Amino acid sequence: RDNAKNSVYLQMNSLRLEDTAVYYCNHPSAAW
């Protein structure tokens, strides 16, 4: 994360076929 940019990141390496999906960010409670 970079709090100065109000951003969170996900670096994904060694990707597999089963990683295919739509990716979302949210609070851990999925409240937003």
Full PDB file with SEQRES, HELIX, SHEET, SSBOND, CRYST1, ORIGX, SCALE, CONECT and MASTER records, all heavy atoms in Angstrom:
SEQRES   1 A   32  ARG ASP ASN ALA LYS ASN SER VAL TYR LEU GLN MET ASN          
SEQRES   2 A   32  SER LEU ARG LEU GLU ASP THR ALA VAL TYR TYR CYS ASN          
SEQRES   3 A   32  HIS PRO SER ALA ALA TRP                                      
HELIX    1 AA1 ASN A    3  LYS A    5  5                                   3    
HELIX    2 AA2 LEU A   17  ASP A   19  5                                   3    
CRYST1    1.000    1.000    1.000  90.00  90.00  90.00 P 1           1          
ORIGX1      1.000000  0.000000  0.000000        0.00000                         
ORIGX2      0.000000  1.000000  0.000000        0.00000                         
ORIGX3      0.000000  0.000000  1.000000        0.00000                         
SCALE1      1.000000  0.000000  0.000000        0.00000                         
SCALE2      0.000000  1.000000  0.000000        0.00000                         
SCALE3      0.000000  0.000000  1.000000        0.00000                         
ATOM      1  N   ARG A   1       0.832  -1.197   0.000  1.00  0.00           N  
ATOM      2  CA  ARG A   1       0.000   0.000   0.000  1.00  0.00           C  
ATOM      3  C   ARG A   1       0.864   1.243   0.000  1.00  0.00           C  
ATOM      4  O   ARG A   1       2.018   1.211   0.439  1.00  0.00           O  
ATOM      5  CB  ARG A   1      -0.939   0.007   1.216  1.00  0.00           C  
ATOM      6  CG  ARG A   1      -0.250   0.083   2.558  1.00  0.00           C  
ATOM      7  CD  ARG A   1      -1.250  -0.168   3.699  1.00  0.00           C  
ATOM      8  NE  ARG A   1      -2.283   0.862   3.738  1.00  0.00           N  
ATOM      9  CZ  ARG A   1      -3.462   0.693   4.325  1.00  0.00           C  
ATOM     10  NH1 ARG A   1      -3.770  -0.470   4.885  1.00  0.00           N  
ATOM     11  NH2 ARG A   1      -4.335   1.680   4.346  1.00  0.00           N  
ATOM     12  N   ASP A   2       0.289   2.338  -0.476  1.00  0.00           N  
ATOM     13  CA  ASP A   2       0.927   3.645  -0.449  1.00  0.00           C  
ATOM     14  C   ASP A   2      -0.110   4.619   0.100  1.00  0.00           C  
ATOM     15  O   ASP A   2      -1.020   5.045  -0.625  1.00  0.00           O  
ATOM     16  CB  ASP A   2       1.389   4.050  -1.847  1.00  0.00           C  
ATOM     17  CG  ASP A   2       2.164   5.355  -1.857  1.00  0.00           C  
ATOM     18  OD1 ASP A   2       2.047   6.146  -0.899  1.00  0.00           O  
ATOM     19  OD2 ASP A   2       2.893   5.592  -2.831  1.00  0.00           O  
ATOM     20  N   ASN A   3       0.012   4.955   1.364  1.00  0.00           N  
ATOM     21  CA  ASN A   3      -0.988   5.814   1.996  1.00  0.00           C  
ATOM     22  C   ASN A   3      -0.989   7.214   1.397  1.00  0.00           C  
ATOM     23  O   ASN A   3      -2.024   7.886   1.388  1.00  0.00           O  
ATOM     24  CB  ASN A   3      -0.753   5.871   3.501  1.00  0.00           C  
ATOM     25  CG  ASN A   3      -1.064   4.553   4.186  1.00  0.00           C  
ATOM     26  OD1 ASN A   3      -1.824   3.735   3.667  1.00  0.00           O  
ATOM     27  ND2 ASN A   3      -0.467   4.340   5.338  1.00  0.00           N  
ATOM     28  N   ALA A   4       0.142   7.661   0.914  1.00  0.00           N  
ATOM     29  CA  ALA A   4       0.209   8.986   0.306  1.00  0.00           C  
ATOM     30  C   ALA A   4      -0.614   9.064  -0.981  1.00  0.00           C  
ATOM     31  O   ALA A   4      -1.079  10.141  -1.363  1.00  0.00           O  
ATOM     32  CB  ALA A   4       1.647   9.372   0.020  1.00  0.00           C  
ATOM     33  N   LYS A   5      -0.789   7.908  -1.616  1.00  0.00           N  
ATOM     34  CA  LYS A   5      -1.553   7.863  -2.868  1.00  0.00           C  
ATOM     35  C   LYS A   5      -2.926   7.218  -2.678  1.00  0.00           C  
ATOM     36  O   LYS A   5      -3.621   6.970  -3.667  1.00  0.00           O  
ATOM     37  CB  LYS A   5      -0.775   7.093  -3.931  1.00  0.00           C  
ATOM     38  CG  LYS A   5       0.520   7.772  -4.334  1.00  0.00           C  
ATOM     39  CD  LYS A   5       1.231   7.008  -5.434  1.00  0.00           C  
ATOM     40  CE  LYS A   5       2.504   7.719  -5.861  1.00  0.00           C  
ATOM     41  NZ  LYS A   5       3.227   6.993  -6.924  1.00  0.00           N  
ATOM     42  N   ASN A   6      -3.275   6.914  -1.435  1.00  0.00           N  
ATOM     43  CA  ASN A   6      -4.566   6.254  -1.148  1.00  0.00           C  
ATOM     44  C   ASN A   6      -4.751   5.028  -2.038  1.00  0.00           C  
ATOM     45  O   ASN A   6      -5.836   4.798  -2.598  1.00  0.00           O  
ATOM     46  CB  ASN A   6      -5.734   7.224  -1.369  1.00  0.00           C  
ATOM     47  CG  ASN A   6      -5.872   8.229  -0.243  1.00  0.00           C  
ATOM     48  OD1 ASN A   6      -5.066   8.257   0.675  1.00  0.00           O  
ATOM     49  ND2 ASN A   6      -6.874   9.071  -0.338  1.00  0.00           N  
ATOM     50  N   SER A   7      -3.692   4.255  -2.142  1.00  0.00           N  
ATOM     51  CA  SER A   7      -3.719   3.125  -3.081  1.00  0.00           C  
ATOM     52  C   SER A   7      -3.194   1.849  -2.445  1.00  0.00           C  
ATOM     53  O   SER A   7      -2.313   1.879  -1.585  1.00  0.00           O  
ATOM     54  CB  SER A   7      -2.895   3.446  -4.329  1.00  0.00           C  
ATOM     55  OG  SER A   7      -3.484   4.484  -5.079  1.00  0.00           O  
ATOM     56  N   VAL A   8      -3.741   0.751  -2.933  1.00  0.00           N  
ATOM     57  CA  VAL A   8      -3.266  -0.577  -2.559  1.00  0.00           C  
ATOM     58  C   VAL A   8      -2.938  -1.320  -3.842  1.00  0.00           C  
ATOM     59  O   VAL A   8      -3.573  -1.106  -4.881  1.00  0.00           O  
ATOM     60  CB  VAL A   8      -4.316  -1.321  -1.700  1.00  0.00           C  
ATOM     61  CG1 VAL A   8      -5.626  -1.514  -2.447  1.00  0.00           C  
ATOM     62  CG2 VAL A   8      -3.780  -2.637  -1.183  1.00  0.00           C  
ATOM     63  N   TYR A   9      -1.938  -2.191  -3.760  1.00  0.00           N  
ATOM     64  CA  TYR A   9      -1.416  -2.867  -4.948  1.00  0.00           C  
ATOM     65  C   TYR A   9      -1.382  -4.382  -4.724  1.00  0.00           C  
ATOM     66  O   TYR A   9      -1.314  -4.857  -3.592  1.00  0.00           O  
ATOM     67  CB  TYR A   9      -0.011  -2.368  -5.255  1.00  0.00           C  
ATOM     68  CG  TYR A   9       0.084  -0.859  -5.347  1.00  0.00           C  
ATOM     69  CD1 TYR A   9       0.551  -0.114  -4.262  1.00  0.00           C  
ATOM     70  CD2 TYR A   9      -0.319  -0.185  -6.494  1.00  0.00           C  
ATOM     71  CE1 TYR A   9       0.622   1.259  -4.321  1.00  0.00           C  
ATOM     72  CE2 TYR A   9      -0.248   1.197  -6.562  1.00  0.00           C  
ATOM     73  CZ  TYR A   9       0.217   1.917  -5.470  1.00  0.00           C  
ATOM     74  OH  TYR A   9       0.279   3.287  -5.541  1.00  0.00           O  
ATOM     75  N   LEU A  10      -1.403  -5.103  -5.828  1.00  0.00           N  
ATOM     76  CA  LEU A  10      -1.246  -6.548  -5.775  1.00  0.00           C  
ATOM     77  C   LEU A  10      -0.289  -6.959  -6.876  1.00  0.00           C  
ATOM     78  O   LEU A  10      -0.632  -6.883  -8.066  1.00  0.00           O  
ATOM     79  CB  LEU A  10      -2.585  -7.265  -5.928  1.00  0.00           C  
ATOM     80  CG  LEU A  10      -2.543  -8.780  -5.691  1.00  0.00           C  
ATOM     81  CD1 LEU A  10      -2.224  -9.078  -4.222  1.00  0.00           C  
ATOM     82  CD2 LEU A  10      -3.865  -9.435  -6.091  1.00  0.00           C  
ATOM     83  N   GLN A  11       0.903  -7.355  -6.494  1.00  0.00           N  
ATOM     84  CA  GLN A  11       1.876  -7.889  -7.450  1.00  0.00           C  
ATOM     85  C   GLN A  11       1.654  -9.382  -7.555  1.00  0.00           C  
ATOM     86  O   GLN A  11       1.719 -10.101  -6.556  1.00  0.00           O  
ATOM     87  CB  GLN A  11       3.298  -7.589  -6.982  1.00  0.00           C  
ATOM     88  CG  GLN A  11       4.369  -8.162  -7.882  1.00  0.00           C  
ATOM     89  CD  GLN A  11       4.366  -7.548  -9.273  1.00  0.00           C  
ATOM     90  OE1 GLN A  11       4.188  -6.349  -9.423  1.00  0.00           O  
ATOM     91  NE2 GLN A  11       4.551  -8.380 -10.292  1.00  0.00           N  
ATOM     92  N   MET A  12       1.391  -9.844  -8.759  1.00  0.00           N  
ATOM     93  CA  MET A  12       1.075 -11.249  -8.984  1.00  0.00           C  
ATOM     94  C   MET A  12       2.133 -11.860  -9.889  1.00  0.00           C  
ATOM     95  O   MET A  12       2.293 -11.426 -11.035  1.00  0.00           O  
ATOM     96  CB  MET A  12      -0.309 -11.379  -9.622  1.00  0.00           C  
ATOM     97  CG  MET A  12      -1.423 -10.696  -8.825  1.00  0.00           C  
ATOM     98  SD  MET A  12      -3.061 -10.998  -9.483  1.00  0.00           S  
ATOM     99  CE  MET A  12      -2.897 -10.207 -11.071  1.00  0.00           C  
ATOM    100  N   ASN A  13       2.851 -12.826  -9.368  1.00  0.00           N  
ATOM    101  CA  ASN A  13       3.882 -13.523 -10.119  1.00  0.00           C  
ATOM    102  C   ASN A  13       3.510 -14.994 -10.280  1.00  0.00           C  
ATOM    103  O   ASN A  13       2.627 -15.493  -9.583  1.00  0.00           O  
ATOM    104  CB  ASN A  13       5.227 -13.405  -9.400  1.00  0.00           C  
ATOM    105  CG  ASN A  13       5.694 -11.968  -9.257  1.00  0.00           C  
ATOM    106  OD1 ASN A  13       5.426 -11.122 -10.114  1.00  0.00           O  
ATOM    107  ND2 ASN A  13       6.401 -11.683  -8.175  1.00  0.00           N  
ATOM    108  N   SER A  14       4.192 -15.659 -11.185  1.00  0.00           N  
ATOM    109  CA  SER A  14       3.970 -17.099 -11.419  1.00  0.00           C  
ATOM    110  C   SER A  14       2.480 -17.396 -11.567  1.00  0.00           C  
ATOM    111  O   SER A  14       1.943 -18.322 -10.945  1.00  0.00           O  
ATOM    112  CB  SER A  14       4.567 -17.911 -10.262  1.00  0.00           C  
ATOM    113  OG  SER A  14       5.939 -17.657 -10.118  1.00  0.00           O  
ATOM    114  N   LEU A  15       1.835 -16.619 -12.395  1.00  0.00           N  
ATOM    115  CA  LEU A  15       0.384 -16.752 -12.541  1.00  0.00           C  
ATOM    116  C   LEU A  15       0.005 -18.101 -13.129  1.00  0.00           C  
ATOM    117  O   LEU A  15       0.724 -18.669 -13.973  1.00  0.00           O  
ATOM    118  CB  LEU A  15      -0.152 -15.605 -13.402  1.00  0.00           C  
ATOM    119  CG  LEU A  15      -0.287 -14.281 -12.637  1.00  0.00           C  
ATOM    120  CD1 LEU A  15      -0.368 -13.099 -13.594  1.00  0.00           C  
ATOM    121  CD2 LEU A  15      -1.501 -14.321 -11.725  1.00  0.00           C  
ATOM    122  N   ARG A  16      -1.129 -18.592 -12.673  1.00  0.00           N  
ATOM    123  CA  ARG A  16      -1.658 -19.885 -13.082  1.00  0.00           C  
ATOM    124  C   ARG A  16      -3.016 -19.691 -13.769  1.00  0.00           C  
ATOM    125  O   ARG A  16      -3.678 -18.671 -13.584  1.00  0.00           O  
ATOM    126  CB  ARG A  16      -1.832 -20.793 -11.864  1.00  0.00           C  
ATOM    127  CG  ARG A  16      -0.574 -20.998 -11.048  1.00  0.00           C  
ATOM    128  CD  ARG A  16      -0.890 -21.696  -9.740  1.00  0.00           C  
ATOM    129  NE  ARG A  16       0.312 -21.915  -8.931  1.00  0.00           N  
ATOM    130  CZ  ARG A  16       0.298 -22.333  -7.669  1.00  0.00           C  
ATOM    131  NH1 ARG A  16      -0.858 -22.596  -7.081  1.00  0.00           N  
ATOM    132  NH2 ARG A  16       1.433 -22.507  -7.017  1.00  0.00           N  
ATOM    133  N   LEU A  17      -3.408 -20.705 -14.506  1.00  0.00           N  
ATOM    134  CA  LEU A  17      -4.702 -20.639 -15.183  1.00  0.00           C  
ATOM    135  C   LEU A  17      -5.826 -20.341 -14.189  1.00  0.00           C  
ATOM    136  O   LEU A  17      -6.754 -19.583 -14.493  1.00  0.00           O  
ATOM    137  CB  LEU A  17      -4.992 -21.945 -15.900  1.00  0.00           C  
ATOM    138  CG  LEU A  17      -4.029 -22.335 -17.011  1.00  0.00           C  
ATOM    139  CD1 LEU A  17      -4.390 -23.722 -17.563  1.00  0.00           C  
ATOM    140  CD2 LEU A  17      -4.027 -21.311 -18.131  1.00  0.00           C  
ATOM    141  N   GLU A  18      -5.712 -20.934 -13.001  1.00  0.00           N  
ATOM    142  CA  GLU A  18      -6.774 -20.790 -12.003  1.00  0.00           C  
ATOM    143  C   GLU A  18      -6.798 -19.425 -11.324  1.00  0.00           C  
ATOM    144  O   GLU A  18      -7.680 -19.153 -10.507  1.00  0.00           O  
ATOM    145  CB  GLU A  18      -6.670 -21.889 -10.940  1.00  0.00           C  
ATOM    146  CG  GLU A  18      -5.329 -21.963 -10.232  1.00  0.00           C  
ATOM    147  CD  GLU A  18      -4.385 -22.984 -10.861  1.00  0.00           C  
ATOM    148  OE1 GLU A  18      -4.407 -23.153 -12.106  1.00  0.00           O  
ATOM    149  OE2 GLU A  18      -3.605 -23.599 -10.095  1.00  0.00           O  
ATOM    150  N   ASP A  19      -5.851 -18.560 -11.656  1.00  0.00           N  
ATOM    151  CA  ASP A  19      -5.890 -17.188 -11.147  1.00  0.00           C  
ATOM    152  C   ASP A  19      -6.796 -16.296 -11.998  1.00  0.00           C  
ATOM    153  O   ASP A  19      -7.027 -15.131 -11.633  1.00  0.00           O  
ATOM    154  CB  ASP A  19      -4.480 -16.589 -11.118  1.00  0.00           C  
ATOM    155  CG  ASP A  19      -3.563 -17.292 -10.134  1.00  0.00           C  
ATOM    156  OD1 ASP A  19      -4.020 -17.632  -9.028  1.00  0.00           O  
ATOM    157  OD2 ASP A  19      -2.377 -17.504 -10.495  1.00  0.00           O  
ATOM    158  N   THR A  20      -7.280 -16.820 -13.091  1.00  0.00           N  
ATOM    159  CA  THR A  20      -8.185 -16.044 -13.949  1.00  0.00           C  
ATOM    160  C   THR A  20      -9.437 -15.653 -13.183  1.00  0.00           C  
ATOM    161  O   THR A  20     -10.124 -16.511 -12.619  1.00  0.00           O  
ATOM    162  CB  THR A  20      -8.562 -16.859 -15.192  1.00  0.00           C  
ATOM    163  OG1 THR A  20      -7.389 -17.066 -15.991  1.00  0.00           O  
ATOM    164  CG2 THR A  20      -9.613 -16.135 -16.025  1.00  0.00           C  
ATOM    165  N   ALA A  21      -9.708 -14.363 -13.148  1.00  0.00           N  
ATOM    166  CA  ALA A  21     -10.852 -13.854 -12.386  1.00  0.00           C  
ATOM    167  C   ALA A  21     -10.924 -12.338 -12.574  1.00  0.00           C  
ATOM    168  O   ALA A  21      -9.994 -11.730 -13.105  1.00  0.00           O  
ATOM    169  CB  ALA A  21     -10.700 -14.173 -10.907  1.00  0.00           C  
ATOM    170  N   VAL A  22     -12.022 -11.776 -12.091  1.00  0.00           N  
ATOM    171  CA  VAL A  22     -12.086 -10.328 -11.921  1.00  0.00           C  
ATOM    172  C   VAL A  22     -11.614 -10.032 -10.507  1.00  0.00           C  
ATOM    173  O   VAL A  22     -12.079 -10.657  -9.547  1.00  0.00           O  
ATOM    174  CB  VAL A  22     -13.511  -9.794 -12.145  1.00  0.00           C  
ATOM    175  CG1 VAL A  22     -13.537  -8.277 -11.944  1.00  0.00           C  
ATOM    176  CG2 VAL A  22     -14.013 -10.159 -13.532  1.00  0.00           C  
ATOM    177  N   TYR A  23     -10.676  -9.110 -10.405  1.00  0.00           N  
ATOM    178  CA  TYR A  23     -10.078  -8.760  -9.121  1.00  0.00           C  
ATOM    179  C   TYR A  23     -10.635  -7.431  -8.632  1.00  0.00           C  
ATOM    180  O   TYR A  23     -10.745  -6.462  -9.410  1.00  0.00           O  
ATOM    181  CB  TYR A  23      -8.556  -8.695  -9.250  1.00  0.00           C  
ATOM    182  CG  TYR A  23      -7.922 -10.060  -9.315  1.00  0.00           C  
ATOM    183  CD1 TYR A  23      -8.056 -10.854 -10.442  1.00  0.00           C  
ATOM    184  CD2 TYR A  23      -7.191 -10.565  -8.244  1.00  0.00           C  
ATOM    185  CE1 TYR A  23      -7.496 -12.122 -10.506  1.00  0.00           C  
ATOM    186  CE2 TYR A  23      -6.619 -11.820  -8.292  1.00  0.00           C  
ATOM    187  CZ  TYR A  23      -6.777 -12.597  -9.426  1.00  0.00           C  
ATOM    188  OH  TYR A  23      -6.217 -13.856  -9.476  1.00  0.00           O  
ATOM    189  N   TYR A  24     -10.943  -7.397  -7.342  1.00  0.00           N  
ATOM    190  CA  TYR A  24     -11.529  -6.221  -6.705  1.00  0.00           C  
ATOM    191  C   TYR A  24     -10.756  -5.887  -5.432  1.00  0.00           C  
ATOM    192  O   TYR A  24     -10.181  -6.777  -4.799  1.00  0.00           O  
ATOM    193  CB  TYR A  24     -12.967  -6.493  -6.285  1.00  0.00           C  
ATOM    194  CG  TYR A  24     -13.909  -6.933  -7.367  1.00  0.00           C  
ATOM    195  CD1 TYR A  24     -14.017  -8.274  -7.717  1.00  0.00           C  
ATOM    196  CD2 TYR A  24     -14.726  -6.014  -8.018  1.00  0.00           C  
ATOM    197  CE1 TYR A  24     -14.911  -8.691  -8.694  1.00  0.00           C  
ATOM    198  CE2 TYR A  24     -15.622  -6.417  -9.000  1.00  0.00           C  
ATOM    199  CZ  TYR A  24     -15.701  -7.755  -9.330  1.00  0.00           C  
ATOM    200  OH  TYR A  24     -16.579  -8.163 -10.293  1.00  0.00           O  
ATOM    201  N   CYS A  25     -10.813  -4.636  -5.037  1.00  0.00           N  
ATOM    202  CA  CYS A  25     -10.328  -4.265  -3.711  1.00  0.00           C  
ATOM    203  C   CYS A  25     -11.522  -3.828  -2.869  1.00  0.00           C  
ATOM    204  O   CYS A  25     -12.560  -3.409  -3.385  1.00  0.00           O  
ATOM    205  CB  CYS A  25      -9.279  -3.168  -3.785  1.00  0.00           C  
ATOM    206  SG  CYS A  25      -9.875  -1.608  -4.449  1.00  0.00           S  
ATOM    207  N   ASN A  26     -11.362  -3.957  -1.566  1.00  0.00           N  
ATOM    208  CA  ASN A  26     -12.411  -3.529  -0.631  1.00  0.00           C  
ATOM    209  C   ASN A  26     -11.845  -3.629   0.775  1.00  0.00           C  
ATOM    210  O   ASN A  26     -10.716  -4.076   0.989  1.00  0.00           O  
ATOM    211  CB  ASN A  26     -13.650  -4.430  -0.763  1.00  0.00           C  
ATOM    212  CG  ASN A  26     -14.943  -3.726  -0.379  1.00  0.00           C  
ATOM    213  OD1 ASN A  26     -15.011  -3.061   0.668  1.00  0.00           O  
ATOM    214  ND2 ASN A  26     -15.951  -3.832  -1.223  1.00  0.00           N  
ATOM    215  N   HIS A  27     -12.618  -3.201   1.738  1.00  0.00           N  
ATOM    216  CA  HIS A  27     -12.290  -3.419   3.132  1.00  0.00           C  
ATOM    217  C   HIS A  27     -12.359  -4.935   3.403  1.00  0.00           C  
ATOM    218  O   HIS A  27     -13.135  -5.634   2.740  1.00  0.00           O  
ATOM    219  CB  HIS A  27     -13.293  -2.670   4.000  1.00  0.00           C  
ATOM    220  CG  HIS A  27     -12.937  -2.639   5.439  1.00  0.00           C  
ATOM    221  ND1 HIS A  27     -13.339  -3.615   6.322  1.00  0.00           N  
ATOM    222  CD2 HIS A  27     -12.194  -1.755   6.151  1.00  0.00           C  
ATOM    223  CE1 HIS A  27     -12.865  -3.333   7.518  1.00  0.00           C  
ATOM    224  NE2 HIS A  27     -12.172  -2.203   7.440  1.00  0.00           N  
ATOM    225  N   PRO A  28     -11.598  -5.446   4.373  1.00  0.00           N  
ATOM    226  CA  PRO A  28     -11.696  -6.881   4.681  1.00  0.00           C  
ATOM    227  C   PRO A  28     -13.106  -7.338   5.046  1.00  0.00           C  
ATOM    228  O   PRO A  28     -13.439  -8.508   4.885  1.00  0.00           O  
ATOM    229  CB  PRO A  28     -10.743  -7.043   5.868  1.00  0.00           C  
ATOM    230  CG  PRO A  28      -9.730  -5.966   5.670  1.00  0.00           C  
ATOM    231  CD  PRO A  28     -10.490  -4.802   5.102  1.00  0.00           C  
ATOM    232  N   SER A  29     -13.930  -6.448   5.517  1.00  0.00           N  
ATOM    233  CA  SER A  29     -15.319  -6.799   5.821  1.00  0.00           C  
ATOM    234  C   SER A  29     -16.214  -6.680   4.595  1.00  0.00           C  
ATOM    235  O   SER A  29     -17.404  -6.978   4.676  1.00  0.00           O  
ATOM    236  CB  SER A  29     -15.860  -5.869   6.909  1.00  0.00           C  
ATOM    237  OG  SER A  29     -15.967  -4.547   6.400  1.00  0.00           O  
ATOM    238  N   ALA A  30     -15.632  -6.249   3.479  1.00  0.00           N  
ATOM    239  CA  ALA A  30     -16.400  -6.026   2.240  1.00  0.00           C  
ATOM    240  C   ALA A  30     -17.554  -5.061   2.481  1.00  0.00           C  
ATOM    241  O   ALA A  30     -18.631  -5.190   1.891  1.00  0.00           O  
ATOM    242  CB  ALA A  30     -16.924  -7.340   1.669  1.00  0.00           C  
ATOM    243  N   ALA A  31     -17.307  -4.066   3.323  1.00  0.00           N  
ATOM    244  CA  ALA A  31     -18.382  -3.165   3.738  1.00  0.00           C  
ATOM    245  C   ALA A  31     -18.661  -2.061   2.731  1.00  0.00           C  
ATOM    246  O   ALA A  31     -19.728  -1.446   2.782  1.00  0.00           O  
ATOM    247  CB  ALA A  31     -18.021  -2.536   5.075  1.00  0.00           C  
ATOM    248  N   TRP A  32     -17.731  -1.833   1.829  1.00  0.00           N  
ATOM    249  CA  TRP A  32     -17.883  -0.711   0.897  1.00  0.00           C  
ATOM    250  C   TRP A  32     -18.471  -1.155  -0.430  1.00  0.00           C  
ATOM    251  O   TRP A  32     -18.437  -2.346  -0.771  1.00  0.00           O  
ATOM    252  CB  TRP A  32     -16.531  -0.059   0.666  1.00  0.00           C  
ATOM    253  CG  TRP A  32     -15.907   0.478   1.919  1.00  0.00           C  
ATOM    254  CD1 TRP A  32     -16.559   1.038   2.988  1.00  0.00           C  
ATOM    255  CD2 TRP A  32     -14.517   0.520   2.241  1.00  0.00           C  
ATOM    256  NE1 TRP A  32     -15.664   1.413   3.952  1.00  0.00           N  
ATOM    257  CE2 TRP A  32     -14.399   1.124   3.519  1.00  0.00           C  
ATOM    258  CE3 TRP A  32     -13.350   0.132   1.578  1.00  0.00           C  
ATOM    259  CZ2 TRP A  32     -13.172   1.330   4.145  1.00  0.00           C  
ATOM    260  CZ3 TRP A  32     -12.129   0.333   2.193  1.00  0.00           C  
ATOM    261  CH2 TRP A  32     -12.046   0.925   3.468  1.00  0.00           C  
TER     262      TRP A  32                                                      
MASTER        0    0    0    2    0    0    0    6  261    1    0    3          
END                                                                             
